[in-house]
All heavy atoms as atom14 arrays in JSON, in Angstrom:
{
  "sequence": "LCSYIVWYCRWIYNFNIKGKEYGEEERLYIIRKSMKMSKSQFDSLEDH",
  "atom14_mask": [
    [1, 1, 1, 1, 1, 1, 1, 1, 0, 0, 0, 0, 0, 0],
    [1, 1, 1, 1, 1, 1, 0, 0, 0, 0, 0, 0, 0, 0],
    [1, 1, 1, 1, 1, 1, 0, 0, 0, 0, 0, 0, 0, 0],
    [1, 1, 1, 1, 1, 1, 1, 1, 1, 1, 1, 1, 0, 0],
    [1, 1, 1, 1, 1, 1, 1, 1, 0, 0, 0, 0, 0, 0],
    [1, 1, 1, 1, 1, 1, 1, 0, 0, 0, 0, 0, 0, 0],
    [1, 1, 1, 1, 1, 1, 1, 1, 1, 1, 1, 1, 1, 1],
    [1, 1, 1, 1, 1, 1, 1, 1, 1, 1, 1, 1, 0, 0],
    [1, 1, 1, 1, 1, 1, 0, 0, 0, 0, 0, 0, 0, 0],
    [1, 1, 1, 1, 1, 1, 1, 1, 1, 1, 1, 0, 0, 0],
    [1, 1, 1, 1, 1, 1, 1, 1, 1, 1, 1, 1, 1, 1],
    [1, 1, 1, 1, 1, 1, 1, 1, 0, 0, 0, 0, 0, 0],
    [1, 1, 1, 1, 1, 1, 1, 1, 1, 1, 1, 1, 0, 0],
    [1, 1, 1, 1, 1, 1, 1, 1, 0, 0, 0, 0, 0, 0],
    [1, 1, 1, 1, 1, 1, 1, 1, 1, 1, 1, 0, 0, 0],
    [1, 1, 1, 1, 1, 1, 1, 1, 0, 0, 0, 0, 0, 0],
    [1, 1, 1, 1, 1, 1, 1, 1, 0, 0, 0, 0, 0, 0],
    [1, 1, 1, 1, 1, 1, 1, 1, 1, 0, 0, 0, 0, 0],
    [1, 1, 1, 1, 0, 0, 0, 0, 0, 0, 0, 0, 0, 0],
    [1, 1, 1, 1, 1, 1, 1, 1, 1, 0, 0, 0, 0, 0],
    [1, 1, 1, 1, 1, 1, 1, 1, 1, 0, 0, 0, 0, 0],
    [1, 1, 1, 1, 1, 1, 1, 1, 1, 1, 1, 1, 0, 0],
    [1, 1, 1, 1, 0, 0, 0, 0, 0, 0, 0, 0, 0, 0],
    [1, 1, 1, 1, 1, 1, 1, 1, 1, 0, 0, 0, 0, 0],
    [1, 1, 1, 1, 1, 1, 1, 1, 1, 0, 0, 0, 0, 0],
    [1, 1, 1, 1, 1, 1, 1, 1, 1, 0, 0, 0, 0, 0],
    [1, 1, 1, 1, 1, 1, 1, 1, 1, 1, 1, 0, 0, 0],
    [1, 1, 1, 1, 1, 1, 1, 1, 0, 0, 0, 0, 0, 0],
    [1, 1, 1, 1, 1, 1, 1, 1, 1, 1, 1, 1, 0, 0],
    [1, 1, 1, 1, 1, 1, 1, 1, 0, 0, 0, 0, 0, 0],
    [1, 1, 1, 1, 1, 1, 1, 1, 0, 0, 0, 0, 0, 0],
    [1, 1, 1, 1, 1, 1, 1, 1, 1, 1, 1, 0, 0, 0],
    [1, 1, 1, 1, 1, 1, 1, 1, 1, 0, 0, 0, 0, 0],
    [1, 1, 1, 1, 1, 1, 0, 0, 0, 0, 0, 0, 0, 0],
    [1, 1, 1, 1, 1, 1, 1, 1, 0, 0, 0, 0, 0, 0],
    [1, 1, 1, 1, 1, 1, 1, 1, 1, 0, 0, 0, 0, 0],
    [1, 1, 1, 1, 1, 1, 1, 1, 0, 0, 0, 0, 0, 0],
    [1, 1, 1, 1, 1, 1, 0, 0, 0, 0, 0, 0, 0, 0],
    [1, 1, 1, 1, 1, 1, 1, 1, 1, 0, 0, 0, 0, 0],
    [1, 1, 1, 1, 1, 1, 0, 0, 0, 0, 0, 0, 0, 0],
    [1, 1, 1, 1, 1, 1, 1, 1, 1, 0, 0, 0, 0, 0],
    [1, 1, 1, 1, 1, 1, 1, 1, 1, 1, 1, 0, 0, 0],
    [1, 1, 1, 1, 1, 1, 1, 1, 0, 0, 0, 0, 0, 0],
    [1, 1, 1, 1, 1, 1, 0, 0, 0, 0, 0, 0, 0, 0],
    [1, 1, 1, 1, 1, 1, 1, 1, 0, 0, 0, 0, 0, 0],
    [1, 1, 1, 1, 1, 1, 1, 1, 1, 0, 0, 0, 0, 0],
    [1, 1, 1, 1, 1, 1, 1, 1, 0, 0, 0, 0, 0, 0],
    [1, 1, 1, 1, 1, 1, 1, 1, 1, 1, 0, 0, 0, 0]
  ],
  "atom14_positions": [
    [[-9.21, 9.18, -9.6], [-8.25, 8.77, -10.63], [-6.95, 9.68, -10.47], [-5.83, 9.19, -10.51], [-8.84, 9.01, -12.03], [-7.9, 8.73, -13.2], [-7.46, 7.26, -13.12], [-8.62, 9.01, -14.52], [0.0, 0.0, 0.0], [0.0, 0.0, 0.0], [0.0, 0.0, 0.0], [0.0, 0.0, 0.0], [0.0, 0.0, 0.0], [0.0, 0.0, 0.0]],
    [[-7.19, 10.97, -10.21], [-5.95, 11.88, -10.1], [-5.21, 11.57, -8.83], [-4.0, 11.57, -8.79], [-6.48, 13.32, -10.07], [-7.15, 13.95, -11.61], [0.0, 0.0, 0.0], [0.0, 0.0, 0.0], [0.0, 0.0, 0.0], [0.0, 0.0, 0.0], [0.0, 0.0, 0.0], [0.0, 0.0, 0.0], [0.0, 0.0, 0.0], [0.0, 0.0, 0.0]],
    [[-6.0, 11.28, -7.73], [-5.34, 10.83, -6.47], [-4.56, 9.57, -6.62], [-3.45, 9.49, -6.07], [-6.41, 10.65, -5.41], [-7.09, 11.91, -5.17], [0.0, 0.0, 0.0], [0.0, 0.0, 0.0], [0.0, 0.0, 0.0], [0.0, 0.0, 0.0], [0.0, 0.0, 0.0], [0.0, 0.0, 0.0], [0.0, 0.0, 0.0], [0.0, 0.0, 0.0]],
    [[-5.09, 8.65, -7.4], [-4.37, 7.4, -7.53], [-3.05, 7.57, -8.4], [-2.02, 6.99, -8.04], [-5.27, 6.35, -8.29], [-4.57, 4.99, -8.61], [-4.34, 4.16, -7.55], [-4.07, 4.76, -9.88], [-3.67, 2.93, -7.84], [-3.42, 3.59, -10.14], [-3.2, 2.66, -9.17], [-2.56, 1.48, -9.46], [0.0, 0.0, 0.0], [0.0, 0.0, 0.0]],
    [[-3.15, 8.46, -9.41], [-1.97, 8.66, -10.2], [-0.88, 9.34, -9.42], [0.29, 8.96, -9.43], [-2.32, 9.55, -11.41], [-3.27, 8.74, -12.43], [-1.06, 10.06, -12.15], [-3.8, 9.62, -13.52], [0.0, 0.0, 0.0], [0.0, 0.0, 0.0], [0.0, 0.0, 0.0], [0.0, 0.0, 0.0], [0.0, 0.0, 0.0], [0.0, 0.0, 0.0]],
    [[-1.29, 10.37, -8.56], [-0.28, 11.03, -7.66], [0.29, 10.05, -6.7], [1.5, 10.0, -6.48], [-0.97, 12.17, -6.95], [-0.01, 12.73, -5.85], [-1.38, 13.28, -7.9], [0.0, 0.0, 0.0], [0.0, 0.0, 0.0], [0.0, 0.0, 0.0], [0.0, 0.0, 0.0], [0.0, 0.0, 0.0], [0.0, 0.0, 0.0], [0.0, 0.0, 0.0]],
    [[-0.57, 9.16, -6.07], [-0.1, 8.17, -5.08], [0.88, 7.15, -5.76], [1.97, 6.84, -5.18], [-1.3, 7.39, -4.6], [-0.93, 6.23, -3.66], [-0.57, 6.26, -2.35], [-0.78, 4.92, -4.12], [-0.26, 4.99, -1.93], [-0.4, 4.12, -2.99], [-0.99, 4.24, -5.3], [-0.21, 2.76, -3.03], [-0.77, 2.9, -5.36], [-0.33, 2.12, -4.27]],
    [[0.49, 6.72, -7.01], [1.37, 5.74, -7.71], [2.7, 6.35, -8.05], [3.79, 5.61, -7.89], [0.69, 5.29, -8.96], [1.37, 4.17, -9.69], [1.33, 2.82, -9.16], [2.08, 4.39, -10.82], [1.97, 1.76, -9.79], [2.73, 3.4, -11.49], [2.71, 2.12, -10.98], [3.32, 1.08, -11.62], [0.0, 0.0, 0.0], [0.0, 0.0, 0.0]],
    [[2.71, 7.59, -8.47], [3.99, 8.29, -8.8], [4.89, 8.44, -7.6], [6.09, 8.18, -7.62], [3.73, 9.65, -9.44], [2.98, 9.59, -11.08], [0.0, 0.0, 0.0], [0.0, 0.0, 0.0], [0.0, 0.0, 0.0], [0.0, 0.0, 0.0], [0.0, 0.0, 0.0], [0.0, 0.0, 0.0], [0.0, 0.0, 0.0], [0.0, 0.0, 0.0]],
    [[4.28, 8.8, -6.45], [5.0, 8.91, -5.21], [5.6, 7.54, -4.79], [6.72, 7.42, -4.26], [4.08, 9.42, -4.06], [3.83, 10.9, -4.18], [2.98, 11.31, -2.97], [2.68, 12.78, -3.05], [1.84, 13.44, -2.28], [1.23, 12.72, -1.27], [1.63, 14.72, -2.35], [0.0, 0.0, 0.0], [0.0, 0.0, 0.0], [0.0, 0.0, 0.0]],
    [[4.8, 6.48, -4.9], [5.27, 5.1, -4.6], [6.52, 4.73, -5.46], [7.46, 4.3, -4.92], [4.13, 4.13, -4.81], [4.45, 2.65, -4.45], [5.26, 1.76, -5.12], [4.07, 1.99, -3.24], [5.34, 0.63, -4.52], [4.59, 0.73, -3.35], [3.28, 2.41, -2.16], [4.4, -0.22, -2.3], [3.03, 1.46, -1.19], [3.6, 0.15, -1.23]],
    [[6.44, 4.92, -6.74], [7.57, 4.66, -7.66], [8.77, 5.43, -7.24], [9.89, 4.95, -7.17], [7.1, 4.91, -9.09], [5.95, 4.01, -9.56], [8.33, 4.79, -10.02], [6.37, 2.54, -9.56], [0.0, 0.0, 0.0], [0.0, 0.0, 0.0], [0.0, 0.0, 0.0], [0.0, 0.0, 0.0], [0.0, 0.0, 0.0], [0.0, 0.0, 0.0]],
    [[8.56, 6.72, -6.91], [9.68, 7.63, -6.6], [10.29, 7.29, -5.31], [11.56, 7.2, -5.17], [9.24, 9.09, -6.62], [10.26, 10.05, -6.24], [11.3, 10.4, -7.09], [10.29, 10.65, -4.88], [12.33, 11.3, -6.71], [11.27, 11.51, -4.56], [12.28, 11.88, -5.53], [13.27, 12.71, -5.07], [0.0, 0.0, 0.0], [0.0, 0.0, 0.0]],
    [[9.51, 7.02, -4.26], [10.04, 6.79, -2.99], [10.65, 5.43, -2.77], [11.69, 5.29, -2.22], [8.96, 7.01, -1.84], [8.54, 8.47, -1.7], [9.37, 9.36, -1.85], [7.28, 8.64, -1.41], [0.0, 0.0, 0.0], [0.0, 0.0, 0.0], [0.0, 0.0, 0.0], [0.0, 0.0, 0.0], [0.0, 0.0, 0.0], [0.0, 0.0, 0.0]],
    [[9.97, 4.43, -3.25], [10.36, 3.0, -2.92], [11.16, 2.36, -4.17], [11.99, 1.46, -3.9], [9.12, 2.17, -2.64], [8.34, 2.72, -1.51], [7.12, 3.21, -1.65], [8.95, 2.93, -0.27], [6.35, 3.76, -0.64], [8.28, 3.42, 0.79], [6.94, 3.86, 0.68], [0.0, 0.0, 0.0], [0.0, 0.0, 0.0], [0.0, 0.0, 0.0]],
    [[10.84, 2.74, -5.4], [11.59, 2.07, -6.51], [12.86, 2.84, -6.95], [13.84, 2.25, -7.34], [10.66, 1.94, -7.67], [9.51, 0.95, -7.49], [9.24, 0.56, -6.36], [8.93, 0.49, -8.57], [0.0, 0.0, 0.0], [0.0, 0.0, 0.0], [0.0, 0.0, 0.0], [0.0, 0.0, 0.0], [0.0, 0.0, 0.0], [0.0, 0.0, 0.0]],
    [[12.7, 4.19, -6.79], [13.9, 5.02, -7.24], [14.83, 5.33, -6.07], [16.02, 5.07, -6.11], [13.38, 6.33, -7.92], [12.55, 5.93, -9.22], [14.52, 7.25, -8.22], [11.97, 7.18, -9.86], [0.0, 0.0, 0.0], [0.0, 0.0, 0.0], [0.0, 0.0, 0.0], [0.0, 0.0, 0.0], [0.0, 0.0, 0.0], [0.0, 0.0, 0.0]],
    [[14.18, 5.9, -5.01], [15.03, 6.26, -3.82], [15.32, 5.17, -2.96], [16.25, 5.19, -2.07], [14.35, 7.42, -3.1], [14.15, 8.71, -3.84], [13.75, 9.79, -3.04], [14.7, 10.32, -1.99], [14.33, 11.47, -1.24], [0.0, 0.0, 0.0], [0.0, 0.0, 0.0], [0.0, 0.0, 0.0], [0.0, 0.0, 0.0], [0.0, 0.0, 0.0]],
    [[14.56, 4.08, -2.98], [14.84, 2.87, -2.14], [14.45, 3.02, -0.7], [15.13, 2.47, 0.17], [0.0, 0.0, 0.0], [0.0, 0.0, 0.0], [0.0, 0.0, 0.0], [0.0, 0.0, 0.0], [0.0, 0.0, 0.0], [0.0, 0.0, 0.0], [0.0, 0.0, 0.0], [0.0, 0.0, 0.0], [0.0, 0.0, 0.0], [0.0, 0.0, 0.0]],
    [[13.43, 3.8, -0.4], [13.01, 4.01, 1.01], [12.48, 2.71, 1.59], [12.02, 1.84, 0.86], [12.02, 5.14, 1.11], [12.65, 6.52, 0.91], [11.53, 7.56, 1.22], [12.1, 8.95, 1.15], [11.04, 10.03, 1.42], [0.0, 0.0, 0.0], [0.0, 0.0, 0.0], [0.0, 0.0, 0.0], [0.0, 0.0, 0.0], [0.0, 0.0, 0.0]],
    [[12.57, 2.63, 2.91], [11.99, 1.48, 3.61], [10.5, 1.62, 3.75], [9.98, 2.71, 3.98], [12.61, 1.31, 4.91], [12.21, 0.06, 5.7], [12.95, -0.15, 7.05], [13.84, 0.7, 7.27], [12.55, -1.03, 7.76], [0.0, 0.0, 0.0], [0.0, 0.0, 0.0], [0.0, 0.0, 0.0], [0.0, 0.0, 0.0], [0.0, 0.0, 0.0]],
    [[9.75, 0.54, 3.58], [8.26, 0.59, 3.7], [7.85, 0.98, 5.18], [8.45, 0.5, 6.06], [7.63, -0.74, 3.36], [7.83, -1.13, 1.9], [8.32, -2.39, 1.58], [7.43, -0.25, 0.93], [8.46, -2.76, 0.2], [7.6, -0.62, -0.43], [8.12, -1.84, -0.77], [8.23, -2.23, -2.06], [0.0, 0.0, 0.0], [0.0, 0.0, 0.0]],
    [[6.83, 1.81, 5.23], [6.28, 2.08, 6.52], [5.17, 1.11, 6.8], [4.89, 0.15, 5.99], [0.0, 0.0, 0.0], [0.0, 0.0, 0.0], [0.0, 0.0, 0.0], [0.0, 0.0, 0.0], [0.0, 0.0, 0.0], [0.0, 0.0, 0.0], [0.0, 0.0, 0.0], [0.0, 0.0, 0.0], [0.0, 0.0, 0.0], [0.0, 0.0, 0.0]],
    [[4.45, 1.19, 7.96], [3.47, 0.2, 8.35], [2.31, 0.2, 7.41], [1.84, -0.86, 6.98], [2.96, 0.56, 9.73], [1.96, -0.47, 10.26], [1.47, -0.23, 11.62], [2.3, 0.15, 12.5], [0.27, -0.36, 11.95], [0.0, 0.0, 0.0], [0.0, 0.0, 0.0], [0.0, 0.0, 0.0], [0.0, 0.0, 0.0], [0.0, 0.0, 0.0]],
    [[1.89, 1.36, 6.92], [0.71, 1.52, 6.02], [1.13, 0.82, 4.73], [0.27, 0.16, 4.13], [0.45, 2.93, 5.75], [-0.82, 3.15, 4.9], [-1.16, 4.6, 4.7], [-0.53, 5.47, 5.35], [-1.99, 4.94, 3.87], [0.0, 0.0, 0.0], [0.0, 0.0, 0.0], [0.0, 0.0, 0.0], [0.0, 0.0, 0.0], [0.0, 0.0, 0.0]],
    [[2.34, 1.03, 4.18], [2.71, 0.42, 2.93], [2.85, -1.07, 3.03], [2.54, -1.82, 2.12], [4.07, 1.04, 2.44], [4.02, 2.45, 1.91], [3.87, 3.51, 3.12], [4.24, 3.06, 4.27], [3.42, 4.6, 2.87], [0.0, 0.0, 0.0], [0.0, 0.0, 0.0], [0.0, 0.0, 0.0], [0.0, 0.0, 0.0], [0.0, 0.0, 0.0]],
    [[3.39, -1.51, 4.17], [3.5, -3.0, 4.39], [2.18, -3.68, 4.44], [1.99, -4.72, 3.81], [4.26, -3.23, 5.7], [5.65, -2.78, 5.72], [6.37, -2.84, 6.98], [7.78, -2.44, 7.03], [8.54, -2.29, 8.02], [8.04, -2.56, 9.29], [9.83, -1.95, 7.87], [0.0, 0.0, 0.0], [0.0, 0.0, 0.0], [0.0, 0.0, 0.0]],
    [[1.22, -3.06, 5.11], [-0.17, -3.67, 5.08], [-0.87, -3.59, 3.75], [-1.56, -4.56, 3.41], [-1.05, -2.86, 6.13], [-0.72, -3.06, 7.65], [-1.57, -2.17, 8.53], [-0.87, -4.52, 8.03], [0.0, 0.0, 0.0], [0.0, 0.0, 0.0], [0.0, 0.0, 0.0], [0.0, 0.0, 0.0], [0.0, 0.0, 0.0], [0.0, 0.0, 0.0]],
    [[-0.51, -2.58, 2.94], [-1.03, -2.51, 1.62], [-0.51, -3.64, 0.73], [-1.26, -4.35, -0.03], [-0.71, -1.22, 0.97], [-1.07, -1.09, -0.46], [-2.34, -0.86, -0.95], [-0.09, -1.29, -1.49], [-2.73, -0.77, -2.26], [-0.44, -1.16, -2.8], [-1.73, -0.97, -3.19], [-2.05, -0.88, -4.55], [0.0, 0.0, 0.0], [0.0, 0.0, 0.0]],
    [[0.83, -3.96, 0.83], [1.37, -5.01, 0.05], [0.85, -6.39, 0.52], [0.48, -7.23, -0.3], [2.91, -5.01, 0.21], [3.51, -3.73, -0.37], [3.54, -6.23, -0.45], [4.97, -3.54, -0.15], [0.0, 0.0, 0.0], [0.0, 0.0, 0.0], [0.0, 0.0, 0.0], [0.0, 0.0, 0.0], [0.0, 0.0, 0.0], [0.0, 0.0, 0.0]],
    [[0.63, -6.56, 1.84], [0.05, -7.76, 2.36], [-1.33, -7.96, 1.81], [-1.77, -9.07, 1.4], [0.07, -7.77, 3.86], [1.54, -7.72, 4.37], [-0.65, -8.98, 4.44], [1.7, -7.57, 5.89], [0.0, 0.0, 0.0], [0.0, 0.0, 0.0], [0.0, 0.0, 0.0], [0.0, 0.0, 0.0], [0.0, 0.0, 0.0], [0.0, 0.0, 0.0]],
    [[-2.08, -6.89, 1.88], [-3.52, -6.97, 1.4], [-3.61, -7.34, -0.1], [-4.39, -8.2, -0.51], [-4.18, -5.71, 1.67], [-5.63, -5.66, 1.08], [-6.31, -4.35, 1.54], [-5.89, -3.15, 0.91], [-6.29, -2.77, -0.25], [-7.12, -3.44, -0.94], [-5.78, -1.66, -0.76], [0.0, 0.0, 0.0], [0.0, 0.0, 0.0], [0.0, 0.0, 0.0]],
    [[-2.67, -6.77, -0.9], [-2.62, -7.13, -2.32], [-2.25, -8.56, -2.51], [-2.71, -9.24, -3.4], [-1.71, -6.2, -3.05], [-2.18, -4.79, -3.24], [-3.52, -4.79, -4.03], [-4.01, -3.36, -4.23], [-5.34, -3.36, -5.02], [0.0, 0.0, 0.0], [0.0, 0.0, 0.0], [0.0, 0.0, 0.0], [0.0, 0.0, 0.0], [0.0, 0.0, 0.0]],
    [[-1.27, -9.03, -1.7], [-0.88, -10.48, -1.82], [-1.98, -11.41, -1.54], [-2.17, -12.46, -2.09], [0.35, -10.73, -0.95], [1.44, -9.89, -1.3], [0.0, 0.0, 0.0], [0.0, 0.0, 0.0], [0.0, 0.0, 0.0], [0.0, 0.0, 0.0], [0.0, 0.0, 0.0], [0.0, 0.0, 0.0], [0.0, 0.0, 0.0], [0.0, 0.0, 0.0]],
    [[-2.82, -11.01, -0.56], [-3.96, -11.89, -0.14], [-5.18, -11.67, -1.05], [-6.17, -12.39, -0.86], [-4.38, -11.53, 1.32], [-3.32, -11.89, 2.3], [-3.83, -11.57, 4.03], [-2.56, -12.33, 4.95], [0.0, 0.0, 0.0], [0.0, 0.0, 0.0], [0.0, 0.0, 0.0], [0.0, 0.0, 0.0], [0.0, 0.0, 0.0], [0.0, 0.0, 0.0]],
    [[-5.08, -10.79, -1.95], [-6.18, -10.49, -2.88], [-7.46, -10.18, -2.19], [-8.52, -10.71, -2.52], [-6.35, -11.63, -3.88], [-5.12, -11.92, -4.72], [-5.3, -13.16, -5.6], [-4.1, -13.44, -6.44], [-4.22, -14.65, -7.36], [0.0, 0.0, 0.0], [0.0, 0.0, 0.0], [0.0, 0.0, 0.0], [0.0, 0.0, 0.0], [0.0, 0.0, 0.0]],
    [[-7.35, -9.27, -1.15], [-8.52, -8.88, -0.38], [-8.81, -7.39, -0.73], [-7.91, -6.55, -0.98], [-8.29, -9.04, 1.05], [-7.95, -10.42, 1.48], [-7.55, -10.59, 3.3], [-9.13, -10.11, 4.05], [0.0, 0.0, 0.0], [0.0, 0.0, 0.0], [0.0, 0.0, 0.0], [0.0, 0.0, 0.0], [0.0, 0.0, 0.0], [0.0, 0.0, 0.0]],
    [[-10.09, -7.06, -0.74], [-10.49, -5.7, -0.89], [-10.21, -4.92, 0.39], [-9.91, -5.47, 1.42], [-12.0, -5.56, -1.24], [-12.76, -6.01, -0.13], [0.0, 0.0, 0.0], [0.0, 0.0, 0.0], [0.0, 0.0, 0.0], [0.0, 0.0, 0.0], [0.0, 0.0, 0.0], [0.0, 0.0, 0.0], [0.0, 0.0, 0.0], [0.0, 0.0, 0.0]],
    [[-10.23, -3.61, 0.32], [-9.92, -2.75, 1.47], [-10.9, -3.0, 2.59], [-10.56, -3.06, 3.77], [-9.94, -1.25, 1.11], [-9.4, -0.38, 2.19], [-9.33, 1.09, 1.68], [-8.65, 1.94, 2.64], [-9.27, 1.91, 4.04], [0.0, 0.0, 0.0], [0.0, 0.0, 0.0], [0.0, 0.0, 0.0], [0.0, 0.0, 0.0], [0.0, 0.0, 0.0]],
    [[-12.22, -3.14, 2.26], [-13.23, -3.36, 3.28], [-13.02, -4.73, 3.94], [-13.2, -4.84, 5.2], [-14.6, -3.24, 2.7], [-14.81, -4.2, 1.65], [0.0, 0.0, 0.0], [0.0, 0.0, 0.0], [0.0, 0.0, 0.0], [0.0, 0.0, 0.0], [0.0, 0.0, 0.0], [0.0, 0.0, 0.0], [0.0, 0.0, 0.0], [0.0, 0.0, 0.0]],
    [[-12.66, -5.67, 3.19], [-12.38, -7.01, 3.74], [-11.23, -7.01, 4.67], [-11.2, -7.59, 5.73], [-12.17, -8.06, 2.63], [-13.4, -8.4, 1.86], [-13.13, -9.33, 0.68], [-12.02, -9.27, 0.03], [-14.05, -10.24, 0.33], [0.0, 0.0, 0.0], [0.0, 0.0, 0.0], [0.0, 0.0, 0.0], [0.0, 0.0, 0.0], [0.0, 0.0, 0.0]],
    [[-10.15, -6.33, 4.28], [-8.96, -6.27, 5.11], [-9.17, -5.52, 6.37], [-8.67, -5.78, 7.4], [-7.81, -5.69, 4.31], [-6.38, -5.88, 4.87], [-5.75, -7.11, 4.77], [-5.8, -4.82, 5.62], [-4.56, -7.33, 5.35], [-4.59, -5.01, 6.13], [-3.91, -6.28, 6.02], [0.0, 0.0, 0.0], [0.0, 0.0, 0.0], [0.0, 0.0, 0.0]],
    [[-9.91, -4.4, 6.24], [-10.21, -3.56, 7.4], [-11.09, -4.27, 8.43], [-11.01, -3.95, 9.65], [-10.96, -2.27, 7.0], [-9.99, -1.35, 6.2], [-8.76, -1.49, 6.32], [-10.53, -0.46, 5.5], [0.0, 0.0, 0.0], [0.0, 0.0, 0.0], [0.0, 0.0, 0.0], [0.0, 0.0, 0.0], [0.0, 0.0, 0.0], [0.0, 0.0, 0.0]],
    [[-11.86, -5.26, 7.95], [-12.69, -6.02, 8.93], [-11.9, -6.97, 9.74], [-12.46, -7.6, 10.69], [-13.83, -6.73, 8.13], [-13.29, -7.7, 7.27], [0.0, 0.0, 0.0], [0.0, 0.0, 0.0], [0.0, 0.0, 0.0], [0.0, 0.0, 0.0], [0.0, 0.0, 0.0], [0.0, 0.0, 0.0], [0.0, 0.0, 0.0], [0.0, 0.0, 0.0]],
    [[-10.67, -7.26, 9.43], [-9.83, -8.18, 10.23], [-9.59, -7.58, 11.59], [-9.46, -6.35, 11.71], [-8.57, -8.54, 9.51], [-8.67, -9.26, 8.16], [-7.27, -9.43, 7.54], [-9.37, -10.57, 8.27], [0.0, 0.0, 0.0], [0.0, 0.0, 0.0], [0.0, 0.0, 0.0], [0.0, 0.0, 0.0], [0.0, 0.0, 0.0], [0.0, 0.0, 0.0]],
    [[-9.25, -8.45, 12.51], [-9.0, -8.04, 13.88], [-7.56, -7.4, 13.84], [-6.69, -7.81, 13.02], [-9.02, -9.18, 14.87], [-10.42, -9.84, 15.02], [-11.35, -8.88, 15.73], [-10.87, -7.99, 16.39], [-12.58, -9.07, 15.55], [0.0, 0.0, 0.0], [0.0, 0.0, 0.0], [0.0, 0.0, 0.0], [0.0, 0.0, 0.0], [0.0, 0.0, 0.0]],
    [[-7.27, -6.55, 14.79], [-6.02, -5.85, 14.9], [-4.86, -6.89, 15.24], [-3.76, -6.74, 14.66], [-6.03, -4.8, 15.93], [-6.92, -3.61, 15.6], [-7.13, -3.39, 14.36], [-7.42, -2.9, 16.51], [0.0, 0.0, 0.0], [0.0, 0.0, 0.0], [0.0, 0.0, 0.0], [0.0, 0.0, 0.0], [0.0, 0.0, 0.0], [0.0, 0.0, 0.0]],
    [[-5.18, -7.9, 16.0], [-4.11, -8.84, 16.32], [-3.71, -9.66, 15.17], [-2.57, -10.08, 14.98], [-4.52, -9.78, 17.48], [-5.69, -10.72, 17.1], [-5.52, -11.93, 16.48], [-7.07, -10.55, 17.27], [-6.68, -12.55, 16.3], [-7.6, -11.76, 16.75], [0.0, 0.0, 0.0], [0.0, 0.0, 0.0], [0.0, 0.0, 0.0], [0.0, 0.0, 0.0]]
  ]
}
């Protein structure tokens, strides 16, 4: 819970306030959320 709060605050500060560009990890996270897939389901996909 504490880790998630820290991560969420960093996300808001970096991308919503400072307007930084998404990295690869952040882009894949947004894609996974759009597809409504769990982390284990998304990790099981092929790299290609």
